[in-house]
Amino acid sequence: MRKDKISVEQVLKLEKVITYLEGLLEGFKAGKIVVEHEGKVMNLKPAELVEVEIEAKQKPDKEKFSLELSWRPELVEDEDPGLKISKEEPKAAQPAEQDTNTCGAKKNTPAKTTTTTGTSTCSAKSTVAKSAQKNNTTTLAKTTTQKK
């Protein structure tokens, strides 16, 4: 199979972004995503298992949310990472569970902690981590948690 690519980067009104996302959702539900740009058409057929990479970043002058979806026949399903995406903020931070270390990962999971200029960064080699402690940033499926 030859390698085809459509790539677009531009500034759009939120309403148009929502239209793109709704089209993507409908395509996933139908099992076929059609992407058209400047006369080029690509037909994508999502597999039953989809690799998901999500990254949320927040700086004083910029916010970013990245979503990358990919699929191929040999994927194997991971454990649920405990990630939640919604419009609602959590009601209150819950204390860390007994079976977690200070990085929010399961105690039997190897974790590495690095401290630089007052910021403690934890990374665990697991697909499951928790961000229940106060002042944690959102925990991603690749389990990177930062505490201030």
C-alpha atoms as a PDB file:
ATOM      1  CA  MET A   1       0.000   0.000   0.000  1.00  0.00           C
ATOM      2  CA  ARG A   2       1.391   3.417  -0.881  1.00  0.00           C
ATOM      3  CA  LYS A   3       1.685   6.149   1.721  1.00  0.00           C
ATOM      4  CA  ASP A   4      -0.847   9.003   1.377  1.00  0.00           C
ATOM      5  CA  LYS A   5      -1.203  12.011   3.633  1.00  0.00           C
ATOM      6  CA  ILE A   6      -3.475  15.010   4.064  1.00  0.00           C
ATOM      7  CA  SER A   7      -2.217  17.579   6.556  1.00  0.00           C
ATOM      8  CA  VAL A   8      -3.841  20.905   7.422  1.00  0.00           C
ATOM      9  CA  GLU A   9      -2.914  23.401  10.134  1.00  0.00           C
ATOM     10  CA  GLN A  10      -4.951  26.584  10.492  1.00  0.00           C
ATOM     11  CA  VAL A  11      -6.792  28.853  12.910  1.00  0.00           C
ATOM     12  CA  LEU A  12     -10.560  28.255  12.943  1.00  0.00           C
ATOM     13  CA  LYS A  13     -13.577  29.407  14.911  1.00  0.00           C
ATOM     14  CA  LEU A  14     -14.595  26.950  17.627  1.00  0.00           C
ATOM     15  CA  GLU A  15     -17.874  26.261  15.784  1.00  0.00           C
ATOM     16  CA  LYS A  16     -15.939  24.889  12.756  1.00  0.00           C
ATOM     17  CA  VAL A  17     -13.681  22.778  14.997  1.00  0.00           C
ATOM     18  CA  ILE A  18     -16.806  21.259  16.590  1.00  0.00           C
ATOM     19  CA  THR A  19     -18.165  20.472  13.095  1.00  0.00           C
ATOM     20  CA  TYR A  20     -14.917  18.622  12.225  1.00  0.00           C
ATOM     21  CA  LEU A  21     -15.026  16.668  15.495  1.00  0.00           C
ATOM     22  CA  GLU A  22     -18.686  15.732  14.982  1.00  0.00           C
ATOM     23  CA  GLY A  23     -17.855  14.520  11.457  1.00  0.00           C
ATOM     24  CA  LEU A  24     -14.998  12.463  12.873  1.00  0.00           C
ATOM     25  CA  LEU A  25     -17.293  10.958  15.515  1.00  0.00           C
ATOM     26  CA  GLU A  26     -19.914  10.047  12.906  1.00  0.00           C
ATOM     27  CA  GLY A  27     -17.195   8.469  10.756  1.00  0.00           C
ATOM     28  CA  PHE A  28     -15.976   6.324  13.650  1.00  0.00           C
ATOM     29  CA  LYS A  29     -19.545   5.228  14.391  1.00  0.00           C
ATOM     30  CA  ALA A  30     -20.038   4.292  10.720  1.00  0.00           C
ATOM     31  CA  GLY A  31     -16.662   2.533  10.470  1.00  0.00           C
ATOM     32  CA  LYS A  32     -15.473   4.816   7.661  1.00  0.00           C
ATOM     33  CA  ILE A  33     -13.806   8.234   7.827  1.00  0.00           C
ATOM     34  CA  VAL A  34     -13.562  10.195   4.585  1.00  0.00           C
ATOM     35  CA  VAL A  35     -11.090  13.101   4.565  1.00  0.00           C
ATOM     36  CA  GLU A  36     -11.174  15.548   1.653  1.00  0.00           C
ATOM     37  CA  HIS A  37      -8.843  18.467   0.963  1.00  0.00           C
ATOM     38  CA  GLU A  38      -8.002  20.316  -2.266  1.00  0.00           C
ATOM     39  CA  GLY A  39      -9.398  17.550  -4.474  1.00  0.00           C
ATOM     40  CA  LYS A  40      -7.591  14.752  -2.618  1.00  0.00           C
ATOM     41  CA  VAL A  41      -9.781  12.119  -0.917  1.00  0.00           C
ATOM     42  CA  MET A  42      -8.727   9.545   1.685  1.00  0.00           C
ATOM     43  CA  ASN A  43     -10.959   6.739   2.943  1.00  0.00           C
ATOM     44  CA  LEU A  44      -9.944   5.484   6.377  1.00  0.00           C
ATOM     45  CA  LYS A  45     -11.426   2.366   7.977  1.00  0.00           C
ATOM     46  CA  PRO A  46     -10.862   2.354  11.757  1.00  0.00           C
ATOM     47  CA  ALA A  47     -10.080  -1.008  13.350  1.00  0.00           C
ATOM     48  CA  GLU A  48     -11.840  -2.339  16.447  1.00  0.00           C
ATOM     49  CA  LEU A  49      -8.834  -1.369  18.608  1.00  0.00           C
ATOM     50  CA  VAL A  50      -7.568   2.207  18.309  1.00  0.00           C
ATOM     51  CA  GLU A  51      -4.360   3.556  19.826  1.00  0.00           C
ATOM     52  CA  VAL A  52      -5.148   6.840  21.599  1.00  0.00           C
ATOM     53  CA  GLU A  53      -2.587   9.459  22.591  1.00  0.00           C
ATOM     54  CA  ILE A  54      -3.927  12.453  24.519  1.00  0.00           C
ATOM     55  CA  GLU A  55      -1.961  15.394  25.822  1.00  0.00           C
ATOM     56  CA  ALA A  56      -3.331  18.425  27.654  1.00  0.00           C
ATOM     57  CA  LYS A  57      -1.057  21.385  28.417  1.00  0.00           C
ATOM     58  CA  GLN A  58      -1.708  24.660  30.170  1.00  0.00           C
ATOM     59  CA  LYS A  59       0.577  27.686  30.243  1.00  0.00           C
ATOM     60  CA  PRO A  60      -0.263  31.236  31.386  1.00  0.00           C
ATOM     61  CA  ASP A  61      -0.618  32.435  27.772  1.00  0.00           C
ATOM     62  CA  LYS A  62      -1.632  29.240  25.907  1.00  0.00           C
ATOM     63  CA  GLU A  63      -3.604  26.034  26.323  1.00  0.00           C
ATOM     64  CA  LYS A  64      -3.273  22.929  24.170  1.00  0.00           C
ATOM     65  CA  PHE A  65      -5.178  19.684  23.751  1.00  0.00           C
ATOM     66  CA  SER A  66      -3.699  17.084  21.390  1.00  0.00           C
ATOM     67  CA  LEU A  67      -5.472  13.940  20.278  1.00  0.00           C
ATOM     68  CA  GLU A  68      -3.798  11.343  18.085  1.00  0.00           C
ATOM     69  CA  LEU A  69      -5.656   8.231  16.954  1.00  0.00           C
ATOM     70  CA  SER A  70      -4.091   5.358  15.025  1.00  0.00           C
ATOM     71  CA  TRP A  71      -4.898   1.734  14.295  1.00  0.00           C
ATOM     72  CA  ARG A  72      -3.358  -1.362  12.774  1.00  0.00           C
ATOM     73  CA  PRO A  73      -4.327  -5.027  12.897  1.00  0.00           C
ATOM     74  CA  GLU A  74      -1.796  -6.174  15.525  1.00  0.00           C
ATOM     75  CA  LEU A  75      -2.873  -3.837  18.375  1.00  0.00           C
ATOM     76  CA  VAL A  76      -3.650  -5.378  21.774  1.00  0.00           C
ATOM     77  CA  GLU A  77      -5.998  -3.636  24.209  1.00  0.00           C
ATOM     78  CA  ASP A  78      -4.383  -1.878  27.237  1.00  0.00           C
ATOM     79  CA  GLU A  79      -5.863  -1.523  30.695  1.00  0.00           C
ATOM     80  CA  ASP A  80      -8.211   1.434  31.277  1.00  0.00           C
ATOM     81  CA  PRO A  81      -5.931   4.391  32.169  1.00  0.00           C
ATOM     82  CA  GLY A  82      -8.604   6.065  34.300  1.00  0.00           C
ATOM     83  CA  LEU A  83      -8.642   9.140  32.057  1.00  0.00           C
ATOM     84  CA  LYS A  84     -11.804  11.260  32.046  1.00  0.00           C
ATOM     85  CA  ILE A  85     -12.564  14.060  29.585  1.00  0.00           C
ATOM     86  CA  SER A  86     -15.632  16.199  30.261  1.00  0.00           C
ATOM     87  CA  LYS A  87     -16.876  19.727  30.787  1.00  0.00           C
ATOM     88  CA  GLU A  88     -17.267  19.162  34.549  1.00  0.00           C
ATOM     89  CA  GLU A  89     -14.550  19.748  37.123  1.00  0.00           C
ATOM     90  CA  PRO A  90     -14.187  17.131  39.859  1.00  0.00           C
ATOM     91  CA  LYS A  91     -16.246  17.894  42.978  1.00  0.00           C
ATOM     92  CA  ALA A  92     -13.309  17.652  45.400  1.00  0.00           C
ATOM     93  CA  ALA A  93      -9.849  16.144  45.362  1.00  0.00           C
ATOM     94  CA  GLN A  94      -9.839  12.732  47.026  1.00  0.00           C
ATOM     95  CA  PRO A  95      -6.905  11.599  49.198  1.00  0.00           C
ATOM     96  CA  ALA A  96      -4.512   9.194  47.521  1.00  0.00           C
ATOM     97  CA  GLU A  97      -5.493   5.538  47.794  1.00  0.00           C
ATOM     98  CA  GLN A  98      -3.497   3.194  50.050  1.00  0.00           C
ATOM     99  CA  ASP A  99      -2.180   1.126  47.124  1.00  0.00           C
ATOM    100  CA  THR A 100      -0.426   4.026  45.392  1.00  0.00           C
ATOM    101  CA  ASN A 101       3.041   5.525  45.797  1.00  0.00           C
ATOM    102  CA  THR A 102       3.775   9.275  45.984  1.00  0.00           C
ATOM    103  CA  CYS A 103       3.695   9.520  42.180  1.00  0.00           C
ATOM    104  CA  GLY A 104       0.111   8.227  42.057  1.00  0.00           C
ATOM    105  CA  ALA A 105       1.111   4.932  40.417  1.00  0.00           C
ATOM    106  CA  LYS A 106       0.455   1.495  41.891  1.00  0.00           C
ATOM    107  CA  LYS A 107       3.017   0.629  44.576  1.00  0.00           C
ATOM    108  CA  ASN A 108       4.302  -2.436  42.724  1.00  0.00           C
ATOM    109  CA  THR A 109       4.958  -0.325  39.601  1.00  0.00           C
ATOM    110  CA  PRO A 110       8.539   0.971  39.186  1.00  0.00           C
ATOM    111  CA  ALA A 111       8.488   4.774  39.268  1.00  0.00           C
ATOM    112  CA  LYS A 112      11.146   7.428  38.765  1.00  0.00           C
ATOM    113  CA  THR A 113      10.991  10.825  40.483  1.00  0.00           C
ATOM    114  CA  THR A 114      13.055  13.832  39.387  1.00  0.00           C
ATOM    115  CA  THR A 115      13.030  17.208  41.152  1.00  0.00           C
ATOM    116  CA  THR A 116      14.049  20.408  39.358  1.00  0.00           C
ATOM    117  CA  THR A 117      13.505  23.936  40.696  1.00  0.00           C
ATOM    118  CA  GLY A 118      10.658  23.068  43.040  1.00  0.00           C
ATOM    119  CA  THR A 119       8.760  20.831  40.592  1.00  0.00           C
ATOM    120  CA  SER A 120       8.581  17.109  41.258  1.00  0.00           C
ATOM    121  CA  THR A 121       8.030  14.979  38.153  1.00  0.00           C
ATOM    122  CA  CYS A 122       7.005  11.340  38.436  1.00  0.00           C
ATOM    123  CA  SER A 123       6.855   8.784  35.653  1.00  0.00           C
ATOM    124  CA  ALA A 124       5.686   5.200  35.960  1.00  0.00           C
ATOM    125  CA  LYS A 125       6.020   2.283  33.571  1.00  0.00           C
ATOM    126  CA  SER A 126       2.326   1.470  33.690  1.00  0.00           C
ATOM    127  CA  THR A 127      -0.800   2.304  31.763  1.00  0.00           C
ATOM    128  CA  VAL A 128      -2.639   3.071  34.995  1.00  0.00           C
ATOM    129  CA  ALA A 129      -2.017   6.114  37.251  1.00  0.00           C
ATOM    130  CA  LYS A 130      -4.161   8.306  39.432  1.00  0.00           C
ATOM    131  CA  SER A 131      -4.306  12.079  39.715  1.00  0.00           C
ATOM    132  CA  ALA A 132      -6.379  12.275  42.874  1.00  0.00           C
ATOM    133  CA  GLN A 133      -3.835  14.239  44.912  1.00  0.00           C
ATOM    134  CA  LYS A 134      -4.230  18.017  45.149  1.00  0.00           C
ATOM    135  CA  ASN A 135      -2.258  20.166  42.670  1.00  0.00           C
ATOM    136  CA  ASN A 136      -1.579  17.307  40.225  1.00  0.00           C
ATOM    137  CA  THR A 137      -1.909  17.935  36.529  1.00  0.00           C
ATOM    138  CA  THR A 138      -4.084  15.665  34.385  1.00  0.00           C
ATOM    139  CA  THR A 139      -2.675  12.147  34.126  1.00  0.00           C
ATOM    140  CA  LEU A 140      -2.395  10.689  30.636  1.00  0.00           C
ATOM    141  CA  ALA A 141      -2.445   7.109  29.415  1.00  0.00           C
ATOM    142  CA  LYS A 142       1.361   7.158  29.149  1.00  0.00           C
ATOM    143  CA  THR A 143       1.323   8.139  32.878  1.00  0.00           C
ATOM    144  CA  THR A 144       3.176  11.386  33.328  1.00  0.00           C
ATOM    145  CA  THR A 145       2.170  13.178  36.512  1.00  0.00           C
ATOM    146  CA  GLN A 146       3.554  16.480  37.753  1.00  0.00           C
ATOM    147  CA  LYS A 147       3.142  17.834  41.270  1.00  0.00           C
ATOM    148  CA  LYS A 148       3.945  21.381  42.355  1.00  0.00           C
END
